[in-house]
Amino acid sequence: MSRINKVSMLIFFIIISLSLISCQTRLERIQKYINNNDYSDAVNLINEIQNEGDKTQAINLLKDKTLEIKQEFLNGSVDGTRAIATIQNFKSVNDMDDFIDKNSEEITSLMNSQKAFLDGERAEKDSNYDLAYESYYDVIQADTANYQRAQAKLLQIENTVKNSTPISVEKAVILINSKTNKVVYPDQMQVLLKNNSKKTISKFTISILGFNKNGEPAQIQGKNSNEKDYEFLGSGSDINLNPNEVWGKDYGWSLDQSTSLKTIIACVINVEYSDGTLWTNPLYKPWLDQHKQKLLS
């Protein structure tokens, strides 16, 4: 091999070696910035990288730091709001948006869950069992510190909540007004409601779910409506339902002829009393989660 070729190869290897050293040094600098919480400098240096492989390695350093910060929040050593604010700094790096948004949402969900558990404890202590039940139900499974305790609390107070419900669904049926001319005489959903409170009820909102002959969930479309969904929301106003009275014997929600239902179930969402006060059913959300788009049990 000629001397010129040897020199050329030596220069080539030197250039390659310097490039590798430069790359390694840059990653080390980024890691140092991250370790020192100098996130702005780390982000700026990452954005200067042109090589895709090098940039991927650098981004992975930020992702590792993001997960570390989230774990610190889970351990209780970092406030959730501060954790989110910190990792938001990393969104200045391309391709980090989705990853940061996902982890920010998870932290937010956990913060809301922790707050819900504390709200539940306070409400239970004040004997506000409706609010306690609603709060405990909002504790998510990912909140490992509170989830099992919240589930136990729900079981403890469930009967108390059910027994104090001011309005109950006495009956929910499909009325068949005609077998041959459903355009003129449409099927109707009839729900009978009983006022169990000591006050007059003036308004209500109710959720109705429908099922076909096989017990499968069916979409509901009301007459003269273009909307179709697995949940139908019905309402009544100026009903003046007095204590211990039943409403609904002369009423029903007419169905579009394309809707064929065998069975319906219903749950009251909220009521308004004649004095203007409101009641929201804490059992509605659990009921909906249990039955919507599920086989009839």
C-alpha atoms as a PDB file:
ATOM      1  CA  MET A   1       0.000   0.000   0.000  1.00  0.00           C
ATOM      2  CA  SER A   2       1.405   3.393  -0.957  1.00  0.00           C
ATOM      3  CA  ARG A   3       2.307   5.974   1.618  1.00  0.00           C
ATOM      4  CA  ILE A   4      -0.381   8.310   0.284  1.00  0.00           C
ATOM      5  CA  ASN A   5      -3.091   5.657   0.776  1.00  0.00           C
ATOM      6  CA  LYS A   6      -1.884   4.962   4.306  1.00  0.00           C
ATOM      7  CA  VAL A   7      -2.036   8.641   5.170  1.00  0.00           C
ATOM      8  CA  SER A   8      -5.512   8.919   3.641  1.00  0.00           C
ATOM      9  CA  MET A   9      -6.780   5.975   5.663  1.00  0.00           C
ATOM     10  CA  LEU A  10      -5.233   7.392   8.827  1.00  0.00           C
ATOM     11  CA  ILE A  11      -6.947  10.720   8.248  1.00  0.00           C
ATOM     12  CA  PHE A  12     -10.226   8.905   7.580  1.00  0.00           C
ATOM     13  CA  PHE A  13     -10.046   6.962  10.855  1.00  0.00           C
ATOM     14  CA  ILE A  14      -9.115  10.102  12.755  1.00  0.00           C
ATOM     15  CA  ILE A  15     -12.172  11.899  11.360  1.00  0.00           C
ATOM     16  CA  ILE A  16     -14.445   8.982  12.271  1.00  0.00           C
ATOM     17  CA  SER A  17     -12.984   8.796  15.764  1.00  0.00           C
ATOM     18  CA  LEU A  18     -13.399  12.529  16.306  1.00  0.00           C
ATOM     19  CA  SER A  19     -17.011  12.300  15.131  1.00  0.00           C
ATOM     20  CA  LEU A  20     -17.742   9.517  17.604  1.00  0.00           C
ATOM     21  CA  ILE A  21     -16.041  11.416  20.410  1.00  0.00           C
ATOM     22  CA  SER A  22     -17.989  14.553  19.470  1.00  0.00           C
ATOM     23  CA  CYS A  23     -21.271  12.647  19.481  1.00  0.00           C
ATOM     24  CA  GLN A  24     -20.522  11.000  22.804  1.00  0.00           C
ATOM     25  CA  THR A  25     -19.506  14.301  24.332  1.00  0.00           C
ATOM     26  CA  ARG A  26     -22.711  15.939  23.164  1.00  0.00           C
ATOM     27  CA  LEU A  27     -24.871  13.217  24.695  1.00  0.00           C
ATOM     28  CA  GLU A  28     -22.881  13.458  27.889  1.00  0.00           C
ATOM     29  CA  ARG A  29     -23.437  17.209  27.951  1.00  0.00           C
ATOM     30  CA  ILE A  30     -27.162  16.722  27.434  1.00  0.00           C
ATOM     31  CA  GLN A  31     -27.263  14.181  30.251  1.00  0.00           C
ATOM     32  CA  LYS A  32     -25.351  16.590  32.489  1.00  0.00           C
ATOM     33  CA  TYR A  33     -27.811  19.394  31.721  1.00  0.00           C
ATOM     34  CA  ILE A  34     -30.730  17.093  32.525  1.00  0.00           C
ATOM     35  CA  ASN A  35     -29.140  15.925  35.774  1.00  0.00           C
ATOM     36  CA  ASN A  36     -28.625  19.554  36.800  1.00  0.00           C
ATOM     37  CA  ASN A  37     -32.209  20.489  35.819  1.00  0.00           C
ATOM     38  CA  ASP A  38     -30.867  22.779  33.098  1.00  0.00           C
ATOM     39  CA  TYR A  39     -33.677  21.713  30.787  1.00  0.00           C
ATOM     40  CA  SER A  40     -33.531  24.755  28.523  1.00  0.00           C
ATOM     41  CA  ASP A  41     -29.875  24.089  27.676  1.00  0.00           C
ATOM     42  CA  ALA A  42     -30.597  20.384  27.171  1.00  0.00           C
ATOM     43  CA  VAL A  43     -33.484  21.123  24.814  1.00  0.00           C
ATOM     44  CA  ASN A  44     -31.470  23.659  22.820  1.00  0.00           C
ATOM     45  CA  LEU A  45     -28.611  21.206  22.371  1.00  0.00           C
ATOM     46  CA  ILE A  46     -30.956  18.416  21.286  1.00  0.00           C
ATOM     47  CA  ASN A  47     -32.569  20.674  18.692  1.00  0.00           C
ATOM     48  CA  GLU A  48     -29.137  21.328  17.181  1.00  0.00           C
ATOM     49  CA  ILE A  49     -28.579  17.626  16.439  1.00  0.00           C
ATOM     50  CA  GLN A  50     -28.955  16.744  12.750  1.00  0.00           C
ATOM     51  CA  ASN A  51     -28.194  13.024  12.820  1.00  0.00           C
ATOM     52  CA  GLU A  52     -31.407  11.025  13.356  1.00  0.00           C
ATOM     53  CA  GLY A  53     -29.742   8.275  15.372  1.00  0.00           C
ATOM     54  CA  ASP A  54     -28.053  10.732  17.700  1.00  0.00           C
ATOM     55  CA  LYS A  55     -31.274  12.682  18.120  1.00  0.00           C
ATOM     56  CA  THR A  56     -33.204   9.535  19.013  1.00  0.00           C
ATOM     57  CA  GLN A  57     -30.703   8.765  21.764  1.00  0.00           C
ATOM     58  CA  ALA A  58     -30.949  12.308  23.086  1.00  0.00           C
ATOM     59  CA  ILE A  59     -34.761  12.244  23.041  1.00  0.00           C
ATOM     60  CA  ASN A  60     -34.696   8.977  24.973  1.00  0.00           C
ATOM     61  CA  LEU A  61     -32.769  10.780  27.710  1.00  0.00           C
ATOM     62  CA  LEU A  62     -35.637  13.273  27.990  1.00  0.00           C
ATOM     63  CA  LYS A  63     -38.217  10.487  27.984  1.00  0.00           C
ATOM     64  CA  ASP A  64     -36.376   8.731  30.808  1.00  0.00           C
ATOM     65  CA  LYS A  65     -36.365  11.984  32.772  1.00  0.00           C
ATOM     66  CA  THR A  66     -40.088  12.435  32.132  1.00  0.00           C
ATOM     67  CA  LEU A  67     -40.846   8.994  33.559  1.00  0.00           C
ATOM     68  CA  GLU A  68     -38.548   9.697  36.497  1.00  0.00           C
ATOM     69  CA  ILE A  69     -40.429  12.911  37.301  1.00  0.00           C
ATOM     70  CA  LYS A  70     -43.780  11.109  37.042  1.00  0.00           C
ATOM     71  CA  GLN A  71     -42.532   8.446  39.450  1.00  0.00           C
ATOM     72  CA  GLU A  72     -41.408  11.146  41.878  1.00  0.00           C
ATOM     73  CA  PHE A  73     -44.968  12.482  41.787  1.00  0.00           C
ATOM     74  CA  LEU A  74     -46.333   8.995  42.470  1.00  0.00           C
ATOM     75  CA  ASN A  75     -43.949   8.662  45.410  1.00  0.00           C
ATOM     76  CA  GLY A  76     -45.172  11.974  46.784  1.00  0.00           C
ATOM     77  CA  SER A  77     -41.824  13.747  46.551  1.00  0.00           C
ATOM     78  CA  VAL A  78     -42.944  16.149  43.794  1.00  0.00           C
ATOM     79  CA  ASP A  79     -46.186  18.115  43.501  1.00  0.00           C
ATOM     80  CA  GLY A  80     -48.281  17.146  40.473  1.00  0.00           C
ATOM     81  CA  THR A  81     -48.625  20.684  39.165  1.00  0.00           C
ATOM     82  CA  ARG A  82     -44.877  21.178  39.374  1.00  0.00           C
ATOM     83  CA  ALA A  83     -44.232  17.824  37.679  1.00  0.00           C
ATOM     84  CA  ILE A  84     -46.450  18.770  34.734  1.00  0.00           C
ATOM     85  CA  ALA A  85     -44.869  22.219  34.440  1.00  0.00           C
ATOM     86  CA  THR A  86     -41.406  20.639  34.366  1.00  0.00           C
ATOM     87  CA  ILE A  87     -42.058  18.084  31.647  1.00  0.00           C
ATOM     88  CA  GLN A  88     -43.862  20.679  29.533  1.00  0.00           C
ATOM     89  CA  ASN A  89     -40.408  22.188  28.935  1.00  0.00           C
ATOM     90  CA  PHE A  90     -39.573  19.126  26.847  1.00  0.00           C
ATOM     91  CA  LYS A  91     -42.293  19.835  24.269  1.00  0.00           C
ATOM     92  CA  SER A  92     -39.898  22.229  22.525  1.00  0.00           C
ATOM     93  CA  VAL A  93     -38.199  19.141  21.102  1.00  0.00           C
ATOM     94  CA  ASN A  94     -39.760  17.758  17.933  1.00  0.00           C
ATOM     95  CA  ASP A  95     -41.596  14.423  18.288  1.00  0.00           C
ATOM     96  CA  MET A  96     -41.998  14.862  22.059  1.00  0.00           C
ATOM     97  CA  ASP A  97     -45.509  16.381  22.012  1.00  0.00           C
ATOM     98  CA  ASP A  98     -47.529  13.158  22.161  1.00  0.00           C
ATOM     99  CA  PHE A  99     -45.299  11.581  24.802  1.00  0.00           C
ATOM    100  CA  ILE A 100     -45.432  14.641  27.057  1.00  0.00           C
ATOM    101  CA  ASP A 101     -49.193  15.103  26.574  1.00  0.00           C
ATOM    102  CA  LYS A 102     -49.819  11.456  27.485  1.00  0.00           C
ATOM    103  CA  ASN A 103     -47.782  11.644  30.680  1.00  0.00           C
ATOM    104  CA  SER A 104     -49.237  15.040  31.608  1.00  0.00           C
ATOM    105  CA  GLU A 105     -52.748  13.629  31.232  1.00  0.00           C
ATOM    106  CA  GLU A 106     -51.852  10.627  33.388  1.00  0.00           C
ATOM    107  CA  ILE A 107     -50.499  12.874  36.128  1.00  0.00           C
ATOM    108  CA  THR A 108     -53.597  15.093  35.912  1.00  0.00           C
ATOM    109  CA  SER A 109     -55.880  12.047  36.160  1.00  0.00           C
ATOM    110  CA  LEU A 110     -54.016  10.841  39.229  1.00  0.00           C
ATOM    111  CA  MET A 111     -54.199  14.295  40.817  1.00  0.00           C
ATOM    112  CA  ASN A 112     -57.964  14.368  40.227  1.00  0.00           C
ATOM    113  CA  SER A 113     -58.255  10.864  41.660  1.00  0.00           C
ATOM    114  CA  GLN A 114     -56.338  11.781  44.803  1.00  0.00           C
ATOM    115  CA  LYS A 115     -58.530  14.854  45.250  1.00  0.00           C
ATOM    116  CA  ALA A 116     -61.664  12.740  44.732  1.00  0.00           C
ATOM    117  CA  PHE A 117     -60.633  10.383  47.525  1.00  0.00           C
ATOM    118  CA  LEU A 118     -60.023  13.259  49.930  1.00  0.00           C
ATOM    119  CA  ASP A 119     -63.355  14.835  48.912  1.00  0.00           C
ATOM    120  CA  GLY A 120     -65.030  11.502  49.592  1.00  0.00           C
ATOM    121  CA  GLU A 121     -63.536  11.256  53.062  1.00  0.00           C
ATOM    122  CA  ARG A 122     -64.620  14.803  53.938  1.00  0.00           C
ATOM    123  CA  ALA A 123     -68.144  14.253  52.596  1.00  0.00           C
ATOM    124  CA  GLU A 124     -68.503  10.956  54.455  1.00  0.00           C
ATOM    125  CA  LYS A 125     -67.353  12.613  57.678  1.00  0.00           C
ATOM    126  CA  ASP A 126     -70.070  15.254  57.150  1.00  0.00           C
ATOM    127  CA  SER A 127     -72.652  12.486  56.459  1.00  0.00           C
ATOM    128  CA  ASN A 128     -73.070  13.741  52.884  1.00  0.00           C
ATOM    129  CA  TYR A 129     -73.210  10.220  51.486  1.00  0.00           C
ATOM    130  CA  ASP A 130     -74.334  11.209  47.994  1.00  0.00           C
ATOM    131  CA  LEU A 131     -71.238  13.353  47.493  1.00  0.00           C
ATOM    132  CA  ALA A 132     -69.055  10.766  49.215  1.00  0.00           C
ATOM    133  CA  TYR A 133     -70.260   8.017  46.875  1.00  0.00           C
ATOM    134  CA  GLU A 134     -69.800  10.201  43.798  1.00  0.00           C
ATOM    135  CA  SER A 135     -66.282  11.158  44.907  1.00  0.00           C
ATOM    136  CA  TYR A 136     -65.132   7.645  45.789  1.00  0.00           C
ATOM    137  CA  TYR A 137     -66.403   6.402  42.430  1.00  0.00           C
ATOM    138  CA  ASP A 138     -64.108   8.884  40.669  1.00  0.00           C
ATOM    139  CA  VAL A 139     -60.992   7.258  42.165  1.00  0.00           C
ATOM    140  CA  ILE A 140     -59.214   5.484  39.292  1.00  0.00           C
ATOM    141  CA  GLN A 141     -57.500   2.096  39.349  1.00  0.00           C
ATOM    142  CA  ALA A 142     -54.123   3.637  38.500  1.00  0.00           C
ATOM    143  CA  ASP A 143     -54.297   5.455  41.834  1.00  0.00           C
ATOM    144  CA  THR A 144     -52.945   2.432  43.688  1.00  0.00           C
ATOM    145  CA  ALA A 145     -52.693   4.260  47.012  1.00  0.00           C
ATOM    146  CA  ASN A 146     -56.446   4.958  47.141  1.00  0.00           C
ATOM    147  CA  TYR A 147     -58.323   2.693  44.709  1.00  0.00           C
ATOM    148  CA  GLN A 148     -58.909  -0.350  46.935  1.00  0.00           C
ATOM    149  CA  ARG A 149     -59.872   1.846  49.881  1.00  0.00           C
ATOM    150  CA  ALA A 150     -62.318   3.742  47.675  1.00  0.00           C
ATOM    151  CA  GLN A 151     -63.904   0.492  46.476  1.00  0.00           C
ATOM    152  CA  ALA A 152     -64.365  -0.633  50.078  1.00  0.00           C
ATOM    153  CA  LYS A 153     -65.956   2.712  50.954  1.00  0.00           C
ATOM    154  CA  LEU A 154     -68.393   2.387  48.040  1.00  0.00           C
ATOM    155  CA  LEU A 155     -69.589  -0.965  49.362  1.00  0.00           C
ATOM    156  CA  GLN A 156     -69.976   0.443  52.866  1.00  0.00           C
ATOM    157  CA  ILE A 157     -72.195   3.380  51.921  1.00  0.00           C
ATOM    158  CA  GLU A 158     -74.023   2.005  48.852  1.00  0.00           C
ATOM    159  CA  ASN A 159     -77.156   0.911  50.716  1.00  0.00           C
ATOM    160  CA  THR A 160     -77.317   4.214  52.579  1.00  0.00           C
ATOM    161  CA  VAL A 161     -77.243   6.083  49.269  1.00  0.00           C
ATOM    162  CA  LYS A 162     -79.858   3.827  47.653  1.00  0.00           C
ATOM    163  CA  ASN A 163     -82.219   4.074  50.619  1.00  0.00           C
ATOM    164  CA  SER A 164     -82.087   7.873  50.597  1.00  0.00           C
ATOM    165  CA  THR A 165     -82.814   8.290  46.878  1.00  0.00           C
ATOM    166  CA  PRO A 166     -85.638  10.873  46.597  1.00  0.00           C
ATOM    167  CA  ILE A 167     -87.051   9.468  43.349  1.00  0.00           C
ATOM    168  CA  SER A 168     -87.244   5.918  42.035  1.00  0.00           C
ATOM    169  CA  VAL A 169     -87.987   4.179  38.747  1.00  0.00           C
ATOM    170  CA  GLU A 170     -91.026   2.009  39.445  1.00  0.00           C
ATOM    171  CA  LYS A 171     -91.445   0.664  35.934  1.00  0.00           C
ATOM    172  CA  ALA A 172     -89.893   0.983  32.465  1.00  0.00           C
ATOM    173  CA  VAL A 173     -91.699  -0.611  29.506  1.00  0.00           C
ATOM    174  CA  ILE A 174     -92.256  -0.426  25.748  1.00  0.00           C
ATOM    175  CA  LEU A 175     -95.832   0.418  24.770  1.00  0.00           C
ATOM    176  CA  ILE A 176     -96.867  -1.135  21.438  1.00  0.00           C
ATOM    177  CA  ASN A 177     -99.552   1.130  19.995  1.00  0.00           C
ATOM    178  CA  SER A 178     -99.791  -0.593  16.610  1.00  0.00           C
ATOM    179  CA  LYS A 179     -98.226  -3.637  14.973  1.00  0.00           C
ATOM    180  CA  THR A 180     -98.861  -2.456  11.419  1.00  0.00           C
ATOM    181  CA  ASN A 181     -98.812   1.354  11.348  1.00  0.00           C
ATOM    182  CA  LYS A 182     -95.952   2.590  13.518  1.00  0.00           C
ATOM    183  CA  VAL A 183     -95.640   5.821  11.530  1.00  0.00           C
ATOM    184  CA  VAL A 184     -98.995   7.043  12.825  1.00  0.00           C
ATOM    185  CA  TYR A 185     -98.999   5.030  16.058  1.00  0.00           C
ATOM    186  CA  PRO A 186     -95.352   4.725  17.103  1.00  0.00           C
ATOM    187  CA  ASP A 187     -94.049   2.568  19.917  1.00  0.00           C
ATOM    188  CA  GLN A 188     -93.421   4.512  23.111  1.00  0.00           C
ATOM    189  CA  MET A 189     -91.035   4.248  26.043  1.00  0.00           C
ATOM    190  CA  GLN A 190     -92.922   4.652  29.297  1.00  0.00           C
ATOM    191  CA  VAL A 191     -91.206   5.189  32.647  1.00  0.00           C
ATOM    192  CA  LEU A 192     -93.069   5.476  35.941  1.00  0.00           C
ATOM    193  CA  LEU A 193     -91.363   7.606  38.587  1.00  0.00           C
ATOM    194  CA  LYS A 194     -92.227   7.759  42.281  1.00  0.00           C
ATOM    195  CA  ASN A 195     -91.444  10.728  44.501  1.00  0.00           C
ATOM    196  CA  ASN A 196     -89.908   9.347  47.713  1.00  0.00           C
ATOM    197  CA  SER A 197     -88.989  12.763  49.094  1.00  0.00           C
ATOM    198  CA  LYS A 198     -90.944  15.183  51.244  1.00  0.00           C
ATOM    199  CA  LYS A 199     -90.871  17.929  48.600  1.00  0.00           C
ATOM    200  CA  THR A 200     -92.678  18.483  45.307  1.00  0.00           C
ATOM    201  CA  ILE A 201     -90.647  17.638  42.209  1.00  0.00           C
ATOM    202  CA  SER A 202     -91.094  20.008  39.270  1.00  0.00           C
ATOM    203  CA  LYS A 203     -88.474  18.782  36.753  1.00  0.00           C
ATOM    204  CA  PHE A 204     -86.385  15.714  36.009  1.00  0.00           C
ATOM    205  CA  THR A 205     -83.887  14.302  33.529  1.00  0.00           C
ATOM    206  CA  ILE A 206     -83.721  10.579  32.908  1.00  0.00           C
ATOM    207  CA  SER A 207     -81.490   8.139  31.026  1.00  0.00           C
ATOM    208  CA  ILE A 208     -83.017   5.244  29.080  1.00  0.00           C
ATOM    209  CA  LEU A 209     -81.134   2.309  27.559  1.00  0.00           C
ATOM    210  CA  GLY A 210     -82.736  -0.076  25.077  1.00  0.00           C
ATOM    211  CA  PHE A 211     -82.216  -3.733  24.180  1.00  0.00           C
ATOM    212  CA  ASN A 212     -83.417  -5.984  21.371  1.00  0.00           C
ATOM    213  CA  LYS A 213     -85.101  -9.370  21.719  1.00  0.00           C
ATOM    214  CA  ASN A 214     -81.731 -11.048  22.259  1.00  0.00           C
ATOM    215  CA  GLY A 215     -80.817  -8.737  25.127  1.00  0.00           C
ATOM    216  CA  GLU A 216     -78.266  -6.916  23.009  1.00  0.00           C
ATOM    217  CA  PRO A 217     -77.877  -3.135  23.345  1.00  0.00           C
ATOM    218  CA  ALA A 218     -79.804  -1.224  20.682  1.00  0.00           C
ATOM    219  CA  GLN A 219     -79.569   2.368  19.542  1.00  0.00           C
ATOM    220  CA  ILE A 220     -82.584   4.555  20.238  1.00  0.00           C
ATOM    221  CA  GLN A 221     -83.988   7.164  17.868  1.00  0.00           C
ATOM    222  CA  GLY A 222     -86.885   9.307  18.978  1.00  0.00           C
ATOM    223  CA  LYS A 223     -89.729  10.226  16.646  1.00  0.00           C
ATOM    224  CA  ASN A 224     -89.003  13.365  14.576  1.00  0.00           C
ATOM    225  CA  SER A 225     -85.344  13.186  15.566  1.00  0.00           C
ATOM    226  CA  ASN A 226     -82.266  12.553  13.429  1.00  0.00           C
ATOM    227  CA  GLU A 227     -80.146  11.552  16.408  1.00  0.00           C
ATOM    228  CA  LYS A 228     -79.559   7.930  17.342  1.00  0.00           C
ATOM    229  CA  ASP A 229     -77.579   6.726  20.342  1.00  0.00           C
ATOM    230  CA  TYR A 230     -77.360   3.907  22.860  1.00  0.00           C
ATOM    231  CA  GLU A 231     -78.474   6.340  25.561  1.00  0.00           C
ATOM    232  CA  PHE A 232     -81.711   8.300  25.288  1.00  0.00           C
ATOM    233  CA  LEU A 233     -82.145  11.346  27.499  1.00  0.00           C
ATOM    234  CA  GLY A 234     -85.705  12.172  28.451  1.00  0.00           C
ATOM    235  CA  SER A 235     -86.976  15.034  30.559  1.00  0.00           C
ATOM    236  CA  GLY A 236     -90.101  16.389  32.154  1.00  0.00           C
ATOM    237  CA  SER A 237     -90.930  19.897  33.336  1.00  0.00           C
ATOM    238  CA  ASP A 238     -93.760  21.401  35.378  1.00  0.00           C
ATOM    239  CA  ILE A 239     -94.788  17.911  36.470  1.00  0.00           C
ATOM    240  CA  ASN A 240     -95.639  18.934  40.074  1.00  0.00           C
ATOM    241  CA  LEU A 241     -95.026  15.456  41.434  1.00  0.00           C
ATOM    242  CA  ASN A 242     -96.031  15.478  45.096  1.00  0.00           C
ATOM    243  CA  PRO A 243     -94.558  13.202  47.790  1.00  0.00           C
ATOM    244  CA  ASN A 244     -95.486   9.513  47.398  1.00  0.00           C
ATOM    245  CA  GLU A 245     -97.149  10.147  44.025  1.00  0.00           C
ATOM    246  CA  VAL A 246     -96.254   8.380  40.758  1.00  0.00           C
ATOM    247  CA  TRP A 247     -95.711  10.178  37.438  1.00  0.00           C
ATOM    248  CA  GLY A 248     -95.748   8.794  33.898  1.00  0.00           C
ATOM    249  CA  LYS A 249     -98.904   6.720  33.493  1.00  0.00           C
ATOM    250  CA  ASP A 250    -100.226   9.008  30.759  1.00  0.00           C
ATOM    251  CA  TYR A 251     -96.886   9.833  29.141  1.00  0.00           C
ATOM    252  CA  GLY A 252     -94.279   8.215  26.926  1.00  0.00           C
ATOM    253  CA  TRP A 253     -91.445   9.038  24.550  1.00  0.00           C
ATOM    254  CA  SER A 254     -92.355   8.094  20.985  1.00  0.00           C
ATOM    255  CA  LEU A 255     -89.861   6.095  18.936  1.00  0.00           C
ATOM    256  CA  ASP A 256     -88.903   6.372  15.295  1.00  0.00           C
ATOM    257  CA  GLN A 257     -90.269   3.449  13.278  1.00  0.00           C
ATOM    258  CA  SER A 258     -86.690   2.279  12.603  1.00  0.00           C
ATOM    259  CA  THR A 259     -86.132   1.626  16.321  1.00  0.00           C
ATOM    260  CA  SER A 260     -87.224  -1.800  17.504  1.00  0.00           C
ATOM    261  CA  LEU A 261     -86.847  -2.429  21.223  1.00  0.00           C
ATOM    262  CA  LYS A 262     -87.871  -5.356  23.391  1.00  0.00           C
ATOM    263  CA  THR A 263     -86.743  -4.040  26.773  1.00  0.00           C
ATOM    264  CA  ILE A 264     -85.723  -0.737  28.326  1.00  0.00           C
ATOM    265  CA  ILE A 265     -84.114   0.183  31.624  1.00  0.00           C
ATOM    266  CA  ALA A 266     -83.977   3.672  33.119  1.00  0.00           C
ATOM    267  CA  CYS A 267     -82.161   5.744  35.714  1.00  0.00           C
ATOM    268  CA  VAL A 268     -82.922   9.260  36.945  1.00  0.00           C
ATOM    269  CA  ILE A 269     -80.031  11.673  36.362  1.00  0.00           C
ATOM    270  CA  ASN A 270     -81.294  14.669  38.326  1.00  0.00           C
ATOM    271  CA  VAL A 271     -84.403  16.412  39.629  1.00  0.00           C
ATOM    272  CA  GLU A 272     -85.392  19.957  40.489  1.00  0.00           C
ATOM    273  CA  TYR A 273     -87.800  20.636  43.329  1.00  0.00           C
ATOM    274  CA  SER A 274     -90.489  23.292  43.338  1.00  0.00           C
ATOM    275  CA  ASP A 275     -88.368  25.358  45.750  1.00  0.00           C
ATOM    276  CA  GLY A 276     -85.592  25.533  43.127  1.00  0.00           C
ATOM    277  CA  THR A 277     -83.170  23.143  44.838  1.00  0.00           C
ATOM    278  CA  LEU A 278     -81.505  20.395  42.798  1.00  0.00           C
ATOM    279  CA  TRP A 279     -80.588  16.762  43.385  1.00  0.00           C
ATOM    280  CA  THR A 280     -78.086  14.877  41.232  1.00  0.00           C
ATOM    281  CA  ASN A 281     -78.097  11.086  41.352  1.00  0.00           C
ATOM    282  CA  PRO A 282     -74.695   9.752  42.465  1.00  0.00           C
ATOM    283  CA  LEU A 283     -75.696   6.289  41.215  1.00  0.00           C
ATOM    284  CA  TYR A 284     -76.266   7.411  37.617  1.00  0.00           C
ATOM    285  CA  LYS A 285     -72.664   7.227  36.425  1.00  0.00           C
ATOM    286  CA  PRO A 286     -72.045   3.750  37.922  1.00  0.00           C
ATOM    287  CA  TRP A 287     -75.353   2.581  36.431  1.00  0.00           C
ATOM    288  CA  LEU A 288     -74.409   3.898  32.986  1.00  0.00           C
ATOM    289  CA  ASP A 289     -70.933   2.346  33.134  1.00  0.00           C
ATOM    290  CA  GLN A 290     -72.478  -0.978  34.096  1.00  0.00           C
ATOM    291  CA  HIS A 291     -75.201  -1.134  31.435  1.00  0.00           C
ATOM    292  CA  LYS A 292     -74.474   1.087  28.419  1.00  0.00           C
ATOM    293  CA  GLN A 293     -73.559  -0.979  25.350  1.00  0.00           C
ATOM    294  CA  LYS A 294     -73.519  -4.132  27.498  1.00  0.00           C
ATOM    295  CA  LEU A 295     -75.685  -7.231  27.274  1.00  0.00           C
ATOM    296  CA  LEU A 296     -78.848  -7.051  29.351  1.00  0.00           C
ATOM    297  CA  SER A 297     -78.155  -8.754  32.665  1.00  0.00           C
END
